[in-house]
Amino acid sequence: MTERFQPGGVTHALVSGLVELALASALLAGSLATADQSPPAATSLSAASLLWAVLAVASLAVAWLRARVLAAELDDQAVVLHGLGGARRFPYAELSAVEVSGRRTRLVARDGTTRVVRGVRGPAQGNRFRARVLARAKAAVAGVDGGSGGLRERSDSPPAHNLPADQRERNRDG
């Protein structure tokens, strides 16, 4: 069974892009309306419209990337990271750690190279991703040597199952 992790915030980025595009349109309309009366004001409004249009395109691109491109999949043999360059497979046997630090989640290979997992956003989703990767890595190598294959956790925060009950509640609130 394949598990898929995708970043959230698609709706937020989409709404932001559409609002920015509406603002750019309104500024452009204002620029056209004031062009005869005050050319300097029309130029300023046109420049502001261009700026908001660029921001709108960037927000809409982020929404598209989050919805269609960026993802991390876990299958029985490997972690598959999807990005702009296509999909890359990282077999569990080649991984040494999963780091969750702040808002970033990274895979660490046995040779020391790290890969940012862009399909995972935030510490909560990062901790879930780490737990699933560790469980699947242990299951993948259980038939080989009965162990975890040397894969370990790295994090600034402890896993949720090691926290006392009052800290779990505080972490949910933010």
C-alpha atoms as a PDB file:
ATOM      1  CA  MET A   1       0.000   0.000   0.000  1.00  0.00           C
ATOM      2  CA  THR A   2       1.307   3.440  -0.927  1.00  0.00           C
ATOM      3  CA  GLU A   3       0.862   6.412   1.388  1.00  0.00           C
ATOM      4  CA  ARG A   4       0.953   9.908  -0.106  1.00  0.00           C
ATOM      5  CA  PHE A   5       1.878  13.109   1.720  1.00  0.00           C
ATOM      6  CA  GLN A   6       0.998  16.430   0.112  1.00  0.00           C
ATOM      7  CA  PRO A   7       1.484  19.906   1.508  1.00  0.00           C
ATOM      8  CA  GLY A   8      -1.579  21.747   2.710  1.00  0.00           C
ATOM      9  CA  GLY A   9      -2.358  25.358   1.991  1.00  0.00           C
ATOM     10  CA  VAL A  10      -3.602  24.854  -1.572  1.00  0.00           C
ATOM     11  CA  THR A  11      -6.847  26.718  -0.937  1.00  0.00           C
ATOM     12  CA  HIS A  12      -5.063  29.513   0.924  1.00  0.00           C
ATOM     13  CA  ALA A  13      -2.565  30.050  -1.890  1.00  0.00           C
ATOM     14  CA  LEU A  14      -5.318  29.896  -4.501  1.00  0.00           C
ATOM     15  CA  VAL A  15      -7.527  32.420  -2.699  1.00  0.00           C
ATOM     16  CA  SER A  16      -4.528  34.713  -2.125  1.00  0.00           C
ATOM     17  CA  GLY A  17      -3.656  34.577  -5.810  1.00  0.00           C
ATOM     18  CA  LEU A  18      -7.201  35.364  -6.885  1.00  0.00           C
ATOM     19  CA  VAL A  19      -7.512  38.274  -4.429  1.00  0.00           C
ATOM     20  CA  GLU A  20      -4.165  39.658  -5.609  1.00  0.00           C
ATOM     21  CA  LEU A  21      -5.319  39.325  -9.212  1.00  0.00           C
ATOM     22  CA  ALA A  22      -8.554  41.189  -8.403  1.00  0.00           C
ATOM     23  CA  LEU A  23      -6.557  43.955  -6.708  1.00  0.00           C
ATOM     24  CA  ALA A  24      -4.264  44.210  -9.726  1.00  0.00           C
ATOM     25  CA  SER A  25      -7.316  44.531 -11.985  1.00  0.00           C
ATOM     26  CA  ALA A  26      -8.836  47.234  -9.782  1.00  0.00           C
ATOM     27  CA  LEU A  27      -5.568  49.191  -9.756  1.00  0.00           C
ATOM     28  CA  LEU A  28      -5.291  48.903 -13.521  1.00  0.00           C
ATOM     29  CA  ALA A  29      -8.878  50.154 -13.924  1.00  0.00           C
ATOM     30  CA  GLY A  30      -8.076  53.076 -11.613  1.00  0.00           C
ATOM     31  CA  SER A  31      -4.977  53.807 -13.658  1.00  0.00           C
ATOM     32  CA  LEU A  32      -6.990  53.920 -16.875  1.00  0.00           C
ATOM     33  CA  ALA A  33      -9.640  56.117 -15.261  1.00  0.00           C
ATOM     34  CA  THR A  34      -7.124  58.704 -14.006  1.00  0.00           C
ATOM     35  CA  ALA A  35      -4.865  58.688 -17.073  1.00  0.00           C
ATOM     36  CA  ASP A  36      -6.412  61.877 -18.520  1.00  0.00           C
ATOM     37  CA  GLN A  37      -6.548  63.836 -15.242  1.00  0.00           C
ATOM     38  CA  SER A  38      -3.227  62.925 -13.676  1.00  0.00           C
ATOM     39  CA  PRO A  39      -0.582  61.027 -15.670  1.00  0.00           C
ATOM     40  CA  PRO A  40       1.795  60.624 -12.645  1.00  0.00           C
ATOM     41  CA  ALA A  41      -1.003  59.049 -10.579  1.00  0.00           C
ATOM     42  CA  ALA A  42      -1.875  56.750 -13.488  1.00  0.00           C
ATOM     43  CA  THR A  43       1.758  55.677 -13.743  1.00  0.00           C
ATOM     44  CA  SER A  44       1.892  54.915 -10.017  1.00  0.00           C
ATOM     45  CA  LEU A  45      -1.323  52.901 -10.190  1.00  0.00           C
ATOM     46  CA  SER A  46      -0.022  50.994 -13.228  1.00  0.00           C
ATOM     47  CA  ALA A  47       3.197  50.128 -11.399  1.00  0.00           C
ATOM     48  CA  ALA A  48       1.231  48.966  -8.345  1.00  0.00           C
ATOM     49  CA  SER A  49      -1.021  46.924 -10.621  1.00  0.00           C
ATOM     50  CA  LEU A  50       1.997  45.243 -12.197  1.00  0.00           C
ATOM     51  CA  LEU A  51       3.436  44.416  -8.775  1.00  0.00           C
ATOM     52  CA  TRP A  52       0.168  42.836  -7.594  1.00  0.00           C
ATOM     53  CA  ALA A  53      -0.144  40.913 -10.859  1.00  0.00           C
ATOM     54  CA  VAL A  54       3.325  39.417 -10.350  1.00  0.00           C
ATOM     55  CA  LEU A  55       2.433  38.471  -6.770  1.00  0.00           C
ATOM     56  CA  ALA A  56      -0.812  36.900  -8.010  1.00  0.00           C
ATOM     57  CA  VAL A  57       1.041  34.776 -10.561  1.00  0.00           C
ATOM     58  CA  ALA A  58       3.484  33.648  -7.860  1.00  0.00           C
ATOM     59  CA  SER A  59       0.642  32.681  -5.484  1.00  0.00           C
ATOM     60  CA  LEU A  60      -1.208  30.808  -8.211  1.00  0.00           C
ATOM     61  CA  ALA A  61       2.009  28.960  -9.129  1.00  0.00           C
ATOM     62  CA  VAL A  62       2.474  27.954  -5.481  1.00  0.00           C
ATOM     63  CA  ALA A  63      -1.118  26.686  -5.368  1.00  0.00           C
ATOM     64  CA  TRP A  64      -0.558  24.653  -8.534  1.00  0.00           C
ATOM     65  CA  LEU A  65       2.708  23.190  -7.225  1.00  0.00           C
ATOM     66  CA  ARG A  66       1.122  22.207  -3.928  1.00  0.00           C
ATOM     67  CA  ALA A  67      -1.897  20.662  -5.627  1.00  0.00           C
ATOM     68  CA  ARG A  68      -0.254  18.826  -8.523  1.00  0.00           C
ATOM     69  CA  VAL A  69       3.511  18.472  -8.229  1.00  0.00           C
ATOM     70  CA  LEU A  70       4.916  18.396  -4.713  1.00  0.00           C
ATOM     71  CA  ALA A  71       4.362  15.132  -2.867  1.00  0.00           C
ATOM     72  CA  ALA A  72       6.101  12.387  -0.941  1.00  0.00           C
ATOM     73  CA  GLU A  73       5.021   8.777  -1.294  1.00  0.00           C
ATOM     74  CA  LEU A  74       5.913   5.810   0.849  1.00  0.00           C
ATOM     75  CA  ASP A  75       5.743   2.377  -0.707  1.00  0.00           C
ATOM     76  CA  ASP A  76       7.062  -0.973   0.480  1.00  0.00           C
ATOM     77  CA  GLN A  77      10.629  -0.439  -0.776  1.00  0.00           C
ATOM     78  CA  ALA A  78      11.334   3.295  -0.856  1.00  0.00           C
ATOM     79  CA  VAL A  79      10.407   6.911  -0.238  1.00  0.00           C
ATOM     80  CA  VAL A  80       9.465   8.612  -3.519  1.00  0.00           C
ATOM     81  CA  LEU A  81       9.827  12.404  -3.608  1.00  0.00           C
ATOM     82  CA  HIS A  82       7.926  14.212  -6.368  1.00  0.00           C
ATOM     83  CA  GLY A  83       9.100  17.674  -7.418  1.00  0.00           C
ATOM     84  CA  LEU A  84       9.658  19.866 -10.447  1.00  0.00           C
ATOM     85  CA  GLY A  85      12.437  17.579 -11.674  1.00  0.00           C
ATOM     86  CA  GLY A  86      10.231  14.495 -11.566  1.00  0.00           C
ATOM     87  CA  ALA A  87      10.141  11.638  -9.076  1.00  0.00           C
ATOM     88  CA  ARG A  88      13.172  10.369  -7.149  1.00  0.00           C
ATOM     89  CA  ARG A  89      13.257   7.103  -5.230  1.00  0.00           C
ATOM     90  CA  PHE A  90      15.199   6.688  -2.007  1.00  0.00           C
ATOM     91  CA  PRO A  91      15.247   3.038  -0.883  1.00  0.00           C
ATOM     92  CA  TYR A  92      14.924   2.563   2.858  1.00  0.00           C
ATOM     93  CA  ALA A  93      18.250   0.719   2.905  1.00  0.00           C
ATOM     94  CA  GLU A  94      20.023   3.880   1.685  1.00  0.00           C
ATOM     95  CA  LEU A  95      18.531   6.174   4.370  1.00  0.00           C
ATOM     96  CA  SER A  96      20.153   6.812   7.721  1.00  0.00           C
ATOM     97  CA  ALA A  97      17.741   9.318   9.323  1.00  0.00           C
ATOM     98  CA  VAL A  98      14.649  11.454   8.973  1.00  0.00           C
ATOM     99  CA  GLU A  99      15.143  14.944  10.405  1.00  0.00           C
ATOM    100  CA  VAL A 100      12.254  17.111  11.536  1.00  0.00           C
ATOM    101  CA  SER A 101      13.441  20.565  12.483  1.00  0.00           C
ATOM    102  CA  GLY A 102      10.961  23.386  12.778  1.00  0.00           C
ATOM    103  CA  ARG A 103       8.994  23.542   9.541  1.00  0.00           C
ATOM    104  CA  ARG A 104      11.435  21.420   7.490  1.00  0.00           C
ATOM    105  CA  THR A 105      11.594  17.670   7.055  1.00  0.00           C
ATOM    106  CA  ARG A 106      14.710  16.105   5.551  1.00  0.00           C
ATOM    107  CA  LEU A 107      15.810  12.650   4.494  1.00  0.00           C
ATOM    108  CA  VAL A 108      19.433  11.871   5.322  1.00  0.00           C
ATOM    109  CA  ALA A 109      21.195   9.277   3.186  1.00  0.00           C
ATOM    110  CA  ARG A 110      23.899   6.961   4.476  1.00  0.00           C
ATOM    111  CA  ASP A 111      26.530   9.014   2.606  1.00  0.00           C
ATOM    112  CA  GLY A 112      25.463  12.135   4.544  1.00  0.00           C
ATOM    113  CA  THR A 113      23.559  13.934   1.794  1.00  0.00           C
ATOM    114  CA  THR A 114      20.218  15.440   2.753  1.00  0.00           C
ATOM    115  CA  ARG A 115      17.067  15.946   0.713  1.00  0.00           C
ATOM    116  CA  VAL A 116      14.336  18.341   1.766  1.00  0.00           C
ATOM    117  CA  VAL A 117      10.916  16.684   1.625  1.00  0.00           C
ATOM    118  CA  ARG A 118       8.869  19.466   0.032  1.00  0.00           C
ATOM    119  CA  GLY A 119       5.677  17.430   0.087  1.00  0.00           C
ATOM    120  CA  VAL A 120       5.625  17.605   3.894  1.00  0.00           C
ATOM    121  CA  ARG A 121       4.884  20.927   5.609  1.00  0.00           C
ATOM    122  CA  GLY A 122       5.118  21.747   9.289  1.00  0.00           C
ATOM    123  CA  PRO A 123       6.262  19.834  12.348  1.00  0.00           C
ATOM    124  CA  ALA A 124       3.029  17.855  12.847  1.00  0.00           C
ATOM    125  CA  GLN A 125       3.020  16.438   9.333  1.00  0.00           C
ATOM    126  CA  GLY A 126       6.815  16.005   9.566  1.00  0.00           C
ATOM    127  CA  ASN A 127       6.511  13.896  12.720  1.00  0.00           C
ATOM    128  CA  ARG A 128       3.803  11.737  11.095  1.00  0.00           C
ATOM    129  CA  PHE A 129       5.990  11.327   8.013  1.00  0.00           C
ATOM    130  CA  ARG A 130       9.004  10.358  10.138  1.00  0.00           C
ATOM    131  CA  ALA A 131       6.984   7.797  12.103  1.00  0.00           C
ATOM    132  CA  ARG A 132       5.616   6.231   8.914  1.00  0.00           C
ATOM    133  CA  VAL A 133       9.052   6.121   7.252  1.00  0.00           C
ATOM    134  CA  LEU A 134      10.595   4.507  10.328  1.00  0.00           C
ATOM    135  CA  ALA A 135       7.789   1.939  10.561  1.00  0.00           C
ATOM    136  CA  ARG A 136       8.055   1.060   6.872  1.00  0.00           C
ATOM    137  CA  ALA A 137      11.858   0.904   6.993  1.00  0.00           C
ATOM    138  CA  LYS A 138      11.693  -1.453   9.968  1.00  0.00           C
ATOM    139  CA  ALA A 139       9.133  -3.598   8.184  1.00  0.00           C
ATOM    140  CA  ALA A 140      11.239  -3.626   5.001  1.00  0.00           C
ATOM    141  CA  VAL A 141      14.374  -4.844   6.756  1.00  0.00           C
ATOM    142  CA  ALA A 142      12.657  -7.048   9.347  1.00  0.00           C
ATOM    143  CA  GLY A 143      12.853  -9.972   6.964  1.00  0.00           C
ATOM    144  CA  VAL A 144      16.534  -9.282   6.274  1.00  0.00           C
ATOM    145  CA  ASP A 145      18.124  -8.726   9.683  1.00  0.00           C
ATOM    146  CA  GLY A 146      15.226  -8.273  12.098  1.00  0.00           C
ATOM    147  CA  GLY A 147      16.190  -4.668  12.885  1.00  0.00           C
ATOM    148  CA  SER A 148      15.623  -1.120  11.759  1.00  0.00           C
ATOM    149  CA  GLY A 149      18.462  -1.105   9.259  1.00  0.00           C
ATOM    150  CA  GLY A 150      20.171   1.688  11.184  1.00  0.00           C
ATOM    151  CA  LEU A 151      17.476   4.235  10.360  1.00  0.00           C
ATOM    152  CA  ARG A 152      16.979   6.639  13.246  1.00  0.00           C
ATOM    153  CA  GLU A 153      15.040   9.739  14.236  1.00  0.00           C
ATOM    154  CA  ARG A 154      16.479  13.242  14.331  1.00  0.00           C
ATOM    155  CA  SER A 155      14.343  16.045  15.648  1.00  0.00           C
ATOM    156  CA  ASP A 156      14.329  19.223  17.683  1.00  0.00           C
ATOM    157  CA  SER A 157      11.083  18.031  19.250  1.00  0.00           C
ATOM    158  CA  PRO A 158      10.358  14.594  20.704  1.00  0.00           C
ATOM    159  CA  PRO A 159       7.866  12.311  18.963  1.00  0.00           C
ATOM    160  CA  ALA A 160       4.283  12.856  20.066  1.00  0.00           C
ATOM    161  CA  HIS A 161       4.014   9.421  21.691  1.00  0.00           C
ATOM    162  CA  ASN A 162       6.859  10.313  24.112  1.00  0.00           C
ATOM    163  CA  LEU A 163       5.256  13.536  25.357  1.00  0.00           C
ATOM    164  CA  PRO A 164       3.299  13.721  28.601  1.00  0.00           C
ATOM    165  CA  ALA A 165      -0.426  14.284  28.091  1.00  0.00           C
ATOM    166  CA  ASP A 166      -0.308  17.991  28.991  1.00  0.00           C
ATOM    167  CA  GLN A 167       2.412  18.664  26.386  1.00  0.00           C
ATOM    168  CA  ARG A 168       0.402  16.872  23.685  1.00  0.00           C
ATOM    169  CA  GLU A 169      -2.486  19.213  24.360  1.00  0.00           C
ATOM    170  CA  ARG A 170      -0.230  22.271  24.242  1.00  0.00           C
ATOM    171  CA  ASN A 171       1.303  21.136  20.944  1.00  0.00           C
ATOM    172  CA  ARG A 172      -2.145  20.809  19.356  1.00  0.00           C
ATOM    173  CA  ASP A 173      -2.937  24.410  20.246  1.00  0.00           C
ATOM    174  CA  GLY A 174       0.225  25.645  18.597  1.00  0.00           C
END
